[in-house]
């Protein structure tokens, strides 16, 4: 994902450099950049908030297994090796 974003930015920067006759670079000022950031946040942020809420309310099987594994590891470190107690604790969480 990061490589795709880096590639997109590189192509955009190169187009600004090599296509000066087609792109009005003087129109790119602080106000323009603030508007672009604002539009990006308005379109990007709601999707990621919804994704986080869905993941919190209905975690994936992997997340559930990792949470249970952390509980087991914590209890083993504390010396509580009883499997039934560990499973009961994991179900509470």
N, C-alpha and C. Protein backbone atom coordinates (compact mmCIF):
# COMPACT_ATOMS: atom_id res chain seq x y z
N UNK A 1 0.83 -1.19 0.00
CA UNK A 1 0.00 0.00 0.00
C UNK A 1 0.87 1.25 0.00
N UNK A 2 1.89 1.23 0.86
CA UNK A 2 2.77 2.40 0.95
C UNK A 2 3.52 2.59 -0.37
N UNK A 3 3.92 1.50 -1.00
CA UNK A 3 4.65 1.60 -2.27
C UNK A 3 3.75 2.22 -3.34
N UNK A 4 2.47 1.85 -3.35
CA UNK A 4 1.53 2.43 -4.31
C UNK A 4 1.37 3.93 -4.07
N UNK A 5 1.29 4.34 -2.82
CA UNK A 5 1.17 5.76 -2.52
C UNK A 5 2.44 6.52 -2.90
N UNK A 6 3.57 5.93 -2.63
CA UNK A 6 4.84 6.55 -3.00
C UNK A 6 4.96 6.68 -4.51
N UNK A 7 4.55 5.63 -5.22
CA UNK A 7 4.57 5.67 -6.68
C UNK A 7 3.64 6.74 -7.23
N UNK A 8 2.46 6.86 -6.66
CA UNK A 8 1.50 7.87 -7.10
C UNK A 8 2.06 9.28 -6.88
N UNK A 9 2.66 9.50 -5.71
CA UNK A 9 3.24 10.82 -5.44
C UNK A 9 4.39 11.11 -6.39
N UNK A 10 5.22 10.11 -6.68
CA UNK A 10 6.35 10.31 -7.58
C UNK A 10 5.87 10.67 -8.98
N UNK A 11 4.85 9.97 -9.47
CA UNK A 11 4.31 10.28 -10.79
C UNK A 11 3.71 11.69 -10.81
N UNK A 12 3.02 12.05 -9.74
CA UNK A 12 2.43 13.39 -9.65
C UNK A 12 3.52 14.46 -9.66
N UNK A 13 4.58 14.25 -8.88
CA UNK A 13 5.68 15.22 -8.83
C UNK A 13 6.37 15.33 -10.18
N UNK A 14 6.58 14.19 -10.83
CA UNK A 14 7.23 14.22 -12.14
C UNK A 14 6.34 14.93 -13.17
N UNK A 15 5.03 14.73 -13.09
CA UNK A 15 4.15 15.41 -14.03
C UNK A 15 4.19 16.92 -13.82
N UNK A 16 4.35 17.37 -12.57
CA UNK A 16 4.47 18.81 -12.32
C UNK A 16 5.76 19.36 -12.91
N UNK A 17 6.81 18.57 -12.84
CA UNK A 17 8.11 19.02 -13.34
C UNK A 17 8.16 19.02 -14.86
N UNK A 18 7.70 17.93 -15.47
CA UNK A 18 7.88 17.77 -16.92
C UNK A 18 6.73 18.32 -17.75
N UNK A 19 5.62 18.66 -17.16
CA UNK A 19 4.47 19.16 -17.93
C UNK A 19 4.08 20.57 -17.49
N UNK A 20 5.06 21.40 -17.31
CA UNK A 20 4.79 22.77 -16.85
C UNK A 20 3.93 23.54 -17.84
N UNK A 21 4.02 23.21 -19.11
CA UNK A 21 3.22 23.94 -20.10
C UNK A 21 1.75 23.54 -20.03
N UNK A 22 1.43 22.40 -19.45
CA UNK A 22 0.05 21.93 -19.35
C UNK A 22 -0.57 22.20 -17.98
N UNK A 23 0.26 22.29 -16.95
CA UNK A 23 -0.23 22.44 -15.58
C UNK A 23 0.18 23.82 -15.06
N UNK A 24 -0.79 24.56 -14.54
CA UNK A 24 -0.52 25.89 -13.99
C UNK A 24 -0.01 25.72 -12.55
N UNK A 25 1.32 25.64 -12.42
CA UNK A 25 1.95 25.41 -11.12
C UNK A 25 1.75 26.60 -10.19
N UNK A 26 1.53 27.78 -10.73
CA UNK A 26 1.36 28.96 -9.89
C UNK A 26 0.05 28.90 -9.08
N UNK A 27 -0.90 28.06 -9.52
CA UNK A 27 -2.17 27.93 -8.80
C UNK A 27 -2.03 27.07 -7.54
N UNK A 28 -0.91 26.37 -7.41
CA UNK A 28 -0.69 25.52 -6.24
C UNK A 28 -0.05 26.38 -5.16
N UNK A 29 -0.87 26.76 -4.19
CA UNK A 29 -0.38 27.55 -3.06
C UNK A 29 -0.87 26.89 -1.77
N UNK A 30 -0.68 27.55 -0.66
CA UNK A 30 -1.04 26.99 0.64
C UNK A 30 -2.55 26.73 0.72
N UNK A 31 -3.34 27.65 0.22
CA UNK A 31 -4.80 27.47 0.24
C UNK A 31 -5.22 26.23 -0.55
N UNK A 32 -4.62 26.04 -1.72
CA UNK A 32 -4.91 24.87 -2.54
C UNK A 32 -4.56 23.58 -1.79
N UNK A 33 -3.40 23.56 -1.17
CA UNK A 33 -2.95 22.37 -0.44
C UNK A 33 -3.89 22.08 0.74
N UNK A 34 -4.33 23.12 1.44
CA UNK A 34 -5.27 22.93 2.55
C UNK A 34 -6.59 22.36 2.05
N UNK A 35 -7.06 22.85 0.92
CA UNK A 35 -8.31 22.34 0.36
C UNK A 35 -8.17 20.87 -0.06
N UNK A 36 -7.04 20.52 -0.65
CA UNK A 36 -6.81 19.13 -1.06
C UNK A 36 -6.76 18.22 0.17
N UNK A 37 -6.07 18.66 1.20
CA UNK A 37 -6.00 17.86 2.44
C UNK A 37 -7.40 17.72 3.06
N UNK A 38 -8.16 18.79 3.06
CA UNK A 38 -9.53 18.75 3.59
C UNK A 38 -10.41 17.78 2.82
N UNK A 39 -10.37 17.84 1.50
CA UNK A 39 -11.17 16.92 0.68
C UNK A 39 -10.73 15.47 0.88
N UNK A 40 -9.43 15.27 1.01
CA UNK A 40 -8.92 13.92 1.24
C UNK A 40 -9.41 13.37 2.57
N UNK A 41 -9.36 14.18 3.61
CA UNK A 41 -9.82 13.74 4.92
C UNK A 41 -11.33 13.48 4.93
N UNK A 42 -12.10 14.32 4.26
CA UNK A 42 -13.54 14.15 4.22
C UNK A 42 -13.91 12.84 3.51
N UNK A 43 -13.15 12.45 2.52
CA UNK A 43 -13.46 11.21 1.80
C UNK A 43 -12.82 9.99 2.45
N UNK A 44 -11.71 10.14 3.13
CA UNK A 44 -10.94 9.01 3.68
C UNK A 44 -11.35 8.67 5.11
N UNK A 45 -11.55 9.67 5.95
CA UNK A 45 -11.77 9.45 7.37
C UNK A 45 -13.04 8.67 7.70
N UNK A 46 -14.19 8.97 7.12
CA UNK A 46 -15.39 8.21 7.47
C UNK A 46 -15.25 6.71 7.18
N UNK A 47 -14.62 6.36 6.08
CA UNK A 47 -14.44 4.95 5.75
C UNK A 47 -13.61 4.23 6.79
N UNK A 48 -12.55 4.86 7.25
CA UNK A 48 -11.69 4.23 8.23
C UNK A 48 -12.34 4.20 9.62
N UNK A 49 -13.15 5.19 9.94
CA UNK A 49 -13.87 5.16 11.22
C UNK A 49 -14.87 4.01 11.21
N UNK A 50 -15.60 3.84 10.12
CA UNK A 50 -16.55 2.74 10.01
C UNK A 50 -15.82 1.40 10.10
N UNK A 51 -14.68 1.29 9.46
CA UNK A 51 -13.89 0.06 9.51
C UNK A 51 -13.46 -0.25 10.95
N UNK A 52 -13.01 0.75 11.69
CA UNK A 52 -12.60 0.54 13.08
C UNK A 52 -13.77 0.14 13.96
N UNK A 53 -14.93 0.77 13.76
CA UNK A 53 -16.11 0.44 14.55
C UNK A 53 -16.56 -0.99 14.26
N UNK A 54 -16.57 -1.38 13.00
CA UNK A 54 -16.96 -2.75 12.64
C UNK A 54 -15.99 -3.76 13.24
N UNK A 55 -14.71 -3.47 13.17
CA UNK A 55 -13.69 -4.39 13.73
C UNK A 55 -13.83 -4.49 15.24
N UNK A 56 -14.19 -3.40 15.90
CA UNK A 56 -14.36 -3.41 17.36
C UNK A 56 -15.64 -4.17 17.75
N UNK A 57 -16.72 -3.99 17.00
CA UNK A 57 -17.98 -4.62 17.35
C UNK A 57 -18.04 -6.08 16.93
N UNK A 58 -17.39 -6.43 15.82
CA UNK A 58 -17.40 -7.80 15.32
C UNK A 58 -15.99 -8.17 14.87
N UNK A 59 -15.12 -8.48 15.83
CA UNK A 59 -13.73 -8.77 15.47
C UNK A 59 -13.61 -10.05 14.64
N UNK A 60 -12.57 -10.12 13.85
CA UNK A 60 -12.35 -11.30 13.02
C UNK A 60 -11.94 -12.47 13.91
N UNK A 61 -11.96 -13.65 13.33
CA UNK A 61 -11.56 -14.85 14.05
C UNK A 61 -10.10 -14.71 14.50
N UNK A 62 -9.26 -14.18 13.63
CA UNK A 62 -7.85 -13.99 13.97
C UNK A 62 -7.69 -13.10 15.20
N UNK A 63 -8.45 -12.01 15.24
CA UNK A 63 -8.34 -11.09 16.38
C UNK A 63 -8.81 -11.77 17.66
N UNK A 64 -9.88 -12.58 17.56
CA UNK A 64 -10.37 -13.29 18.73
C UNK A 64 -9.33 -14.29 19.24
N UNK A 65 -8.70 -15.02 18.33
CA UNK A 65 -7.68 -16.00 18.71
C UNK A 65 -6.49 -15.31 19.36
N UNK A 66 -6.05 -14.20 18.79
CA UNK A 66 -4.90 -13.48 19.35
C UNK A 66 -5.23 -12.93 20.74
N UNK A 67 -6.45 -12.46 20.93
CA UNK A 67 -6.86 -11.95 22.23
C UNK A 67 -6.85 -13.07 23.27
N UNK A 68 -7.36 -14.23 22.87
CA UNK A 68 -7.37 -15.38 23.78
C UNK A 68 -5.94 -15.83 24.08
N UNK A 69 -5.07 -15.82 23.09
CA UNK A 69 -3.69 -16.23 23.29
C UNK A 69 -2.98 -15.28 24.26
N UNK A 70 -3.28 -13.99 24.17
CA UNK A 70 -2.68 -13.02 25.10
C UNK A 70 -3.14 -13.27 26.53
N UNK A 71 -4.42 -13.63 26.70
CA UNK A 71 -4.94 -13.93 28.04
C UNK A 71 -4.25 -15.16 28.59
N UNK A 72 -4.10 -16.20 27.76
CA UNK A 72 -3.44 -17.43 28.22
C UNK A 72 -2.00 -17.15 28.61
N UNK A 73 -1.29 -16.39 27.80
CA UNK A 73 0.11 -16.08 28.08
C UNK A 73 0.22 -15.28 29.37
N UNK A 74 -0.64 -14.31 29.56
CA UNK A 74 -0.62 -13.49 30.78
C UNK A 74 -0.86 -14.36 32.01
N UNK A 75 -1.83 -15.26 31.93
CA UNK A 75 -2.14 -16.11 33.07
C UNK A 75 -1.02 -17.11 33.35
N UNK A 76 -0.39 -17.61 32.31
CA UNK A 76 0.74 -18.53 32.51
C UNK A 76 1.90 -17.83 33.18
N UNK A 77 2.14 -16.58 32.81
CA UNK A 77 3.22 -15.81 33.42
C UNK A 77 2.94 -15.54 34.90
N UNK A 78 1.67 -15.40 35.24
CA UNK A 78 1.28 -15.14 36.62
C UNK A 78 1.21 -16.44 37.42
N UNK A 79 1.43 -17.59 36.77
CA UNK A 79 1.42 -18.86 37.47
C UNK A 79 0.07 -19.49 37.60
N UNK A 80 -0.89 -19.03 36.85
CA UNK A 80 -2.23 -19.60 36.89
C UNK A 80 -2.38 -20.52 35.67
N UNK A 81 -1.90 -21.75 35.80
CA UNK A 81 -1.86 -22.67 34.67
C UNK A 81 -3.13 -23.45 34.45
N UNK A 82 -4.20 -23.18 35.18
CA UNK A 82 -5.45 -23.92 35.06
C UNK A 82 -6.14 -23.56 33.75
N UNK A 83 -6.29 -24.52 32.86
CA UNK A 83 -6.87 -24.28 31.54
C UNK A 83 -8.33 -23.83 31.65
N UNK A 84 -9.10 -24.42 32.52
CA UNK A 84 -10.51 -24.05 32.66
C UNK A 84 -10.64 -22.59 33.09
N UNK A 85 -9.78 -22.17 34.00
CA UNK A 85 -9.81 -20.77 34.45
C UNK A 85 -9.42 -19.83 33.31
N UNK A 86 -8.44 -20.26 32.51
CA UNK A 86 -8.01 -19.43 31.39
C UNK A 86 -9.13 -19.28 30.37
N UNK A 87 -9.82 -20.36 30.06
CA UNK A 87 -10.91 -20.29 29.09
C UNK A 87 -12.05 -19.43 29.61
N UNK A 88 -12.35 -19.54 30.89
CA UNK A 88 -13.39 -18.71 31.49
C UNK A 88 -13.02 -17.24 31.41
N UNK A 89 -11.77 -16.92 31.68
CA UNK A 89 -11.30 -15.53 31.62
C UNK A 89 -11.37 -15.01 30.18
N UNK A 90 -10.98 -15.86 29.22
CA UNK A 90 -11.01 -15.44 27.80
C UNK A 90 -12.44 -15.20 27.34
N UNK A 91 -13.39 -15.99 27.81
CA UNK A 91 -14.78 -15.80 27.41
C UNK A 91 -15.36 -14.52 27.99
N UNK A 92 -14.91 -14.14 29.19
CA UNK A 92 -15.38 -12.89 29.80
C UNK A 92 -14.94 -11.69 28.98
N UNK A 93 -13.77 -11.76 28.40
CA UNK A 93 -13.24 -10.63 27.64
C UNK A 93 -13.77 -10.72 26.25
